Amino acid sequence: MRKGLISVCLTTLALSATAPVFAEPTQADIDRGKELAFSRTDGNCLACHQMDDGKLTGNIGPELADMKTRYPDREILFKRIWDETQFNPTTVMPPFGRHMILGKQEINRIVDYLYTL
């Protein structure tokens, strides 16, 4: 019984990092994503990444450009923002989803915006 419970818990945890399915993003969704990405209190992507028309950008992480080509699988980009340590255990990028800095919908809005770059 205990083994089954652990399996259920692990499956639930794995599914919690899955991006919810959204319809085609609206301009409002994209604008909200940009707002989150540029916000110095929320996503704060500009602290580490150069992107679009951002001011005072960082250079710790890679430039965020040509994102649809670099990440044709939207789910992978979502998971990298959710918890980059899954891909690079020594990263300095915060695990935005795992640490509840951003919610699933907020990360999806950021991905909507990043896909315009």
N, C-alpha and C. Protein backbone atom coordinates (compact mmCIF):
# COMPACT_ATOMS: atom_id res chain seq x y z
N MET A 1 0.83 -1.20 0.00
CA MET A 1 0.00 0.00 0.00
C MET A 1 0.86 1.25 0.00
N ARG A 2 1.89 1.27 0.82
CA ARG A 2 2.75 2.44 0.92
C ARG A 2 3.45 2.73 -0.41
N LYS A 3 3.88 1.67 -1.12
CA LYS A 3 4.53 1.82 -2.40
C LYS A 3 3.59 2.49 -3.41
N GLY A 4 2.33 2.09 -3.40
CA GLY A 4 1.33 2.68 -4.29
C GLY A 4 1.11 4.15 -4.00
N LEU A 5 1.08 4.51 -2.72
CA LEU A 5 0.90 5.89 -2.32
C LEU A 5 2.07 6.75 -2.78
N ILE A 6 3.28 6.24 -2.64
CA ILE A 6 4.46 6.97 -3.09
C ILE A 6 4.40 7.18 -4.59
N SER A 7 3.99 6.17 -5.33
CA SER A 7 3.88 6.27 -6.78
C SER A 7 2.87 7.34 -7.17
N VAL A 8 1.73 7.36 -6.50
CA VAL A 8 0.70 8.37 -6.77
C VAL A 8 1.23 9.76 -6.47
N CYS A 9 1.94 9.93 -5.35
CA CYS A 9 2.50 11.23 -4.98
C CYS A 9 3.52 11.70 -6.00
N LEU A 10 4.40 10.81 -6.44
CA LEU A 10 5.41 11.17 -7.43
C LEU A 10 4.77 11.54 -8.76
N THR A 11 3.74 10.81 -9.16
CA THR A 11 3.03 11.12 -10.40
C THR A 11 2.36 12.48 -10.29
N THR A 12 1.74 12.76 -9.18
CA THR A 12 1.09 14.05 -8.96
C THR A 12 2.10 15.17 -9.01
N LEU A 13 3.26 14.99 -8.37
CA LEU A 13 4.30 16.00 -8.38
C LEU A 13 4.80 16.25 -9.80
N ALA A 14 5.02 15.21 -10.57
CA ALA A 14 5.50 15.35 -11.95
C ALA A 14 4.47 16.09 -12.79
N LEU A 15 3.20 15.79 -12.61
CA LEU A 15 2.16 16.45 -13.38
C LEU A 15 2.00 17.92 -13.00
N SER A 16 2.35 18.29 -11.77
CA SER A 16 2.17 19.67 -11.34
C SER A 16 3.09 20.62 -12.10
N ALA A 17 4.16 20.12 -12.70
CA ALA A 17 5.07 20.97 -13.46
C ALA A 17 4.70 20.99 -14.94
N THR A 18 3.54 20.49 -15.29
CA THR A 18 3.11 20.46 -16.67
C THR A 18 2.35 21.74 -16.99
N ALA A 19 2.68 22.32 -18.10
CA ALA A 19 2.02 23.56 -18.51
C ALA A 19 0.57 23.28 -18.86
N PRO A 20 -0.36 24.09 -18.35
CA PRO A 20 -1.74 23.92 -18.75
C PRO A 20 -1.90 24.26 -20.23
N VAL A 21 -2.86 23.64 -20.86
CA VAL A 21 -3.10 23.90 -22.27
C VAL A 21 -3.94 25.17 -22.39
N PHE A 22 -3.46 26.09 -23.21
CA PHE A 22 -4.17 27.34 -23.44
C PHE A 22 -4.50 27.48 -24.91
N ALA A 23 -5.53 28.25 -25.18
CA ALA A 23 -5.87 28.58 -26.56
C ALA A 23 -4.80 29.53 -27.10
N GLU A 24 -4.87 29.82 -28.36
CA GLU A 24 -3.94 30.78 -28.99
C GLU A 24 -3.93 32.06 -28.15
N PRO A 25 -2.74 32.56 -27.79
CA PRO A 25 -2.69 33.73 -26.91
C PRO A 25 -3.23 34.98 -27.59
N THR A 26 -3.89 35.79 -26.80
CA THR A 26 -4.37 37.08 -27.27
C THR A 26 -3.25 38.10 -27.11
N GLN A 27 -3.41 39.26 -27.68
CA GLN A 27 -2.42 40.33 -27.50
C GLN A 27 -2.34 40.71 -26.02
N ALA A 28 -3.45 40.63 -25.32
CA ALA A 28 -3.45 40.94 -23.88
C ALA A 28 -2.59 39.92 -23.12
N ASP A 29 -2.65 38.63 -23.51
CA ASP A 29 -1.82 37.60 -22.89
C ASP A 29 -0.34 37.90 -23.12
N ILE A 30 0.00 38.25 -24.35
CA ILE A 30 1.38 38.56 -24.70
C ILE A 30 1.86 39.78 -23.94
N ASP A 31 1.02 40.81 -23.87
CA ASP A 31 1.38 42.03 -23.14
C ASP A 31 1.60 41.73 -21.66
N ARG A 32 0.75 40.89 -21.08
CA ARG A 32 0.91 40.50 -19.67
C ARG A 32 2.22 39.73 -19.48
N GLY A 33 2.56 38.87 -20.42
CA GLY A 33 3.82 38.14 -20.35
C GLY A 33 5.01 39.07 -20.39
N LYS A 34 4.96 40.07 -21.26
CA LYS A 34 6.06 41.04 -21.33
C LYS A 34 6.16 41.82 -20.02
N GLU A 35 5.01 42.21 -19.49
CA GLU A 35 4.99 42.94 -18.22
C GLU A 35 5.65 42.11 -17.11
N LEU A 36 5.32 40.82 -17.04
CA LEU A 36 5.92 39.94 -16.03
C LEU A 36 7.42 39.77 -16.26
N ALA A 37 7.81 39.58 -17.52
CA ALA A 37 9.22 39.37 -17.85
C ALA A 37 10.06 40.61 -17.54
N PHE A 38 9.48 41.79 -17.72
CA PHE A 38 10.21 43.04 -17.51
C PHE A 38 10.10 43.54 -16.07
N SER A 39 9.16 43.02 -15.31
CA SER A 39 8.94 43.47 -13.94
C SER A 39 10.15 43.16 -13.07
N ARG A 40 10.58 44.13 -12.31
CA ARG A 40 11.72 43.92 -11.40
C ARG A 40 11.29 43.21 -10.13
N THR A 41 9.98 42.97 -9.95
CA THR A 41 9.51 42.28 -8.75
C THR A 41 8.90 40.91 -9.04
N ASP A 42 8.54 40.64 -10.28
CA ASP A 42 7.90 39.35 -10.59
C ASP A 42 8.89 38.45 -11.32
N GLY A 43 8.79 38.35 -12.64
CA GLY A 43 9.67 37.48 -13.40
C GLY A 43 11.11 37.95 -13.38
N ASN A 44 11.30 39.25 -13.56
CA ASN A 44 12.63 39.87 -13.52
C ASN A 44 13.61 39.20 -14.48
N CYS A 45 13.15 38.79 -15.65
CA CYS A 45 14.02 38.15 -16.64
C CYS A 45 15.16 39.08 -17.05
N LEU A 46 14.90 40.38 -17.04
CA LEU A 46 15.91 41.35 -17.46
C LEU A 46 17.13 41.38 -16.54
N ALA A 47 16.99 40.89 -15.33
CA ALA A 47 18.14 40.90 -14.42
C ALA A 47 19.28 40.04 -14.97
N CYS A 48 18.94 39.01 -15.75
CA CYS A 48 19.95 38.07 -16.24
C CYS A 48 20.02 37.95 -17.76
N HIS A 49 18.98 38.37 -18.46
CA HIS A 49 18.90 38.14 -19.90
C HIS A 49 18.72 39.44 -20.68
N GLN A 50 19.36 39.51 -21.84
CA GLN A 50 19.07 40.57 -22.80
C GLN A 50 17.86 40.12 -23.60
N MET A 51 16.96 41.06 -23.86
CA MET A 51 15.79 40.72 -24.65
C MET A 51 15.10 41.96 -25.17
N ASP A 52 14.52 41.83 -26.33
CA ASP A 52 13.68 42.81 -26.97
C ASP A 52 14.18 44.23 -26.71
N ASP A 53 13.33 45.06 -26.15
CA ASP A 53 13.68 46.46 -25.90
C ASP A 53 13.89 46.72 -24.41
N GLY A 54 14.34 45.70 -23.68
CA GLY A 54 14.56 45.82 -22.24
C GLY A 54 15.69 46.79 -21.92
N LYS A 55 15.56 47.47 -20.82
CA LYS A 55 16.57 48.42 -20.35
C LYS A 55 17.33 47.80 -19.18
N LEU A 56 18.59 48.13 -19.06
CA LEU A 56 19.45 47.63 -17.98
C LEU A 56 19.41 46.11 -17.88
N THR A 57 19.67 45.46 -19.01
CA THR A 57 19.60 44.01 -19.07
C THR A 57 20.87 43.38 -18.51
N GLY A 58 20.72 42.15 -18.06
CA GLY A 58 21.85 41.40 -17.54
C GLY A 58 22.51 40.58 -18.64
N ASN A 59 23.62 39.94 -18.28
CA ASN A 59 24.31 39.09 -19.25
C ASN A 59 24.74 37.76 -18.62
N ILE A 60 24.07 37.37 -17.55
CA ILE A 60 24.37 36.09 -16.89
C ILE A 60 23.81 34.95 -17.72
N GLY A 61 22.58 35.10 -18.19
CA GLY A 61 21.93 34.06 -18.99
C GLY A 61 22.00 34.39 -20.46
N PRO A 62 21.58 33.47 -21.30
CA PRO A 62 21.63 33.71 -22.75
C PRO A 62 20.61 34.78 -23.15
N GLU A 63 20.88 35.41 -24.29
CA GLU A 63 19.93 36.38 -24.83
C GLU A 63 18.64 35.64 -25.18
N LEU A 64 17.52 36.26 -24.87
CA LEU A 64 16.22 35.66 -25.17
C LEU A 64 15.75 36.21 -26.51
N ALA A 65 16.10 35.49 -27.56
CA ALA A 65 15.75 35.86 -28.93
C ALA A 65 15.52 34.59 -29.72
N ASP A 66 14.71 34.70 -30.77
CA ASP A 66 14.44 33.58 -31.66
C ASP A 66 13.95 32.36 -30.88
N MET A 67 13.06 32.60 -29.93
CA MET A 67 12.66 31.58 -28.96
C MET A 67 11.86 30.44 -29.57
N LYS A 68 11.01 30.71 -30.54
CA LYS A 68 10.23 29.62 -31.15
C LYS A 68 11.13 28.64 -31.88
N THR A 69 12.18 29.15 -32.49
CA THR A 69 13.13 28.28 -33.18
C THR A 69 13.97 27.50 -32.18
N ARG A 70 14.41 28.17 -31.13
CA ARG A 70 15.24 27.52 -30.11
C ARG A 70 14.45 26.50 -29.29
N TYR A 71 13.17 26.79 -29.06
CA TYR A 71 12.32 25.91 -28.26
C TYR A 71 11.02 25.64 -29.00
N PRO A 72 11.07 24.82 -30.05
CA PRO A 72 9.84 24.53 -30.80
C PRO A 72 8.81 23.79 -29.94
N ASP A 73 9.29 23.09 -28.91
CA ASP A 73 8.39 22.41 -27.98
C ASP A 73 8.12 23.36 -26.81
N ARG A 74 6.97 23.96 -26.82
CA ARG A 74 6.60 24.94 -25.81
C ARG A 74 6.73 24.38 -24.39
N GLU A 75 6.41 23.10 -24.24
CA GLU A 75 6.46 22.45 -22.93
C GLU A 75 7.87 22.50 -22.33
N ILE A 76 8.89 22.34 -23.16
CA ILE A 76 10.27 22.37 -22.68
C ILE A 76 10.62 23.76 -22.16
N LEU A 77 10.23 24.80 -22.89
CA LEU A 77 10.50 26.17 -22.43
C LEU A 77 9.76 26.43 -21.12
N PHE A 78 8.51 25.99 -21.03
CA PHE A 78 7.75 26.14 -19.79
C PHE A 78 8.51 25.47 -18.63
N LYS A 79 8.96 24.24 -18.84
CA LYS A 79 9.64 23.50 -17.79
C LYS A 79 10.96 24.15 -17.39
N ARG A 80 11.64 24.78 -18.34
CA ARG A 80 12.91 25.45 -18.01
C ARG A 80 12.65 26.65 -17.10
N ILE A 81 11.56 27.35 -17.33
CA ILE A 81 11.21 28.48 -16.47
C ILE A 81 10.68 27.95 -15.13
N TRP A 82 9.89 26.90 -15.18
CA TRP A 82 9.33 26.30 -13.96
C TRP A 82 10.45 25.90 -13.00
N ASP A 83 11.46 25.18 -13.55
CA ASP A 83 12.56 24.72 -12.70
C ASP A 83 13.76 24.33 -13.57
N GLU A 84 14.63 25.29 -13.83
CA GLU A 84 15.80 25.07 -14.68
C GLU A 84 16.75 24.02 -14.09
N THR A 85 16.66 23.76 -12.79
CA THR A 85 17.57 22.77 -12.19
C THR A 85 17.31 21.37 -12.74
N GLN A 86 16.16 21.12 -13.35
CA GLN A 86 15.89 19.83 -14.00
C GLN A 86 16.85 19.61 -15.17
N PHE A 87 17.29 20.70 -15.78
CA PHE A 87 18.15 20.63 -16.96
C PHE A 87 19.61 20.94 -16.61
N ASN A 88 19.80 21.82 -15.65
CA ASN A 88 21.14 22.24 -15.25
C ASN A 88 21.16 22.40 -13.72
N PRO A 89 21.62 21.38 -13.01
CA PRO A 89 21.59 21.42 -11.54
C PRO A 89 22.41 22.55 -10.91
N THR A 90 23.36 23.12 -11.65
CA THR A 90 24.20 24.19 -11.08
C THR A 90 23.77 25.58 -11.55
N THR A 91 22.60 25.69 -12.15
CA THR A 91 22.12 26.97 -12.65
C THR A 91 21.94 27.99 -11.52
N VAL A 92 22.03 29.26 -11.87
CA VAL A 92 21.70 30.32 -10.91
C VAL A 92 20.27 30.84 -11.14
N MET A 93 19.61 30.31 -12.16
CA MET A 93 18.23 30.73 -12.44
C MET A 93 17.30 30.18 -11.37
N PRO A 94 16.50 31.04 -10.77
CA PRO A 94 15.56 30.56 -9.75
C PRO A 94 14.54 29.60 -10.34
N PRO A 95 14.13 28.60 -9.58
CA PRO A 95 13.05 27.71 -10.04
C PRO A 95 11.71 28.40 -9.81
N PHE A 96 11.31 29.24 -10.76
CA PHE A 96 10.16 30.12 -10.59
C PHE A 96 8.88 29.39 -10.22
N GLY A 97 8.61 28.27 -10.83
CA GLY A 97 7.39 27.52 -10.51
C GLY A 97 7.53 26.72 -9.24
N ARG A 98 8.61 25.96 -9.13
CA ARG A 98 8.81 25.09 -7.97
C ARG A 98 8.83 25.90 -6.68
N HIS A 99 9.39 27.09 -6.70
CA HIS A 99 9.43 27.94 -5.50
C HIS A 99 8.24 28.88 -5.40
N MET A 100 7.27 28.69 -6.29
CA MET A 100 6.03 29.47 -6.28
C MET A 100 6.27 30.97 -6.39
N ILE A 101 7.30 31.34 -7.16
CA ILE A 101 7.54 32.75 -7.46
C ILE A 101 6.54 33.21 -8.51
N LEU A 102 6.29 32.33 -9.47
CA LEU A 102 5.29 32.56 -10.52
C LEU A 102 4.39 31.34 -10.61
N GLY A 103 3.14 31.58 -10.94
CA GLY A 103 2.19 30.49 -11.13
C GLY A 103 2.24 29.97 -12.56
N LYS A 104 1.55 28.87 -12.82
CA LYS A 104 1.52 28.27 -14.15
C LYS A 104 1.03 29.25 -15.21
N GLN A 105 -0.05 29.96 -14.90
CA GLN A 105 -0.59 30.89 -15.88
C GLN A 105 0.40 32.03 -16.15
N GLU A 106 1.08 32.51 -15.12
CA GLU A 106 2.06 33.57 -15.33
C GLU A 106 3.23 33.09 -16.19
N ILE A 107 3.71 31.88 -15.93
CA ILE A 107 4.79 31.33 -16.75
C ILE A 107 4.31 31.15 -18.18
N ASN A 108 3.09 30.71 -18.37
CA ASN A 108 2.56 30.58 -19.72
C ASN A 108 2.46 31.92 -20.42
N ARG A 109 2.10 32.97 -19.70
CA ARG A 109 2.05 34.30 -20.32
C ARG A 109 3.46 34.73 -20.73
N ILE A 110 4.46 34.44 -19.90
CA ILE A 110 5.84 34.78 -20.25
C ILE A 110 6.26 34.01 -21.50
N VAL A 111 5.90 32.75 -21.58
CA VAL A 111 6.22 31.95 -22.77
C VAL A 111 5.51 32.55 -23.99
N ASP A 112 4.25 32.99 -23.83
CA ASP A 112 3.53 33.65 -24.93
C ASP A 112 4.35 34.82 -25.45
N TYR A 113 4.85 35.62 -24.52
CA TYR A 113 5.65 36.78 -24.91
C TYR A 113 6.98 36.35 -25.54
N LEU A 114 7.68 35.42 -24.91
CA LEU A 114 8.98 34.98 -25.43
C LEU A 114 8.85 34.43 -26.84
N TYR A 115 7.73 33.83 -27.16
CA TYR A 115 7.52 33.30 -28.51
C TYR A 115 7.35 34.39 -29.55
N THR A 116 7.22 35.65 -29.13
CA THR A 116 7.16 36.76 -30.09
C THR A 116 8.56 37.28 -30.37
N LEU A 117 9.55 36.85 -29.61
CA LEU A 117 10.92 37.35 -29.80
C LEU A 117 11.64 36.57 -30.87
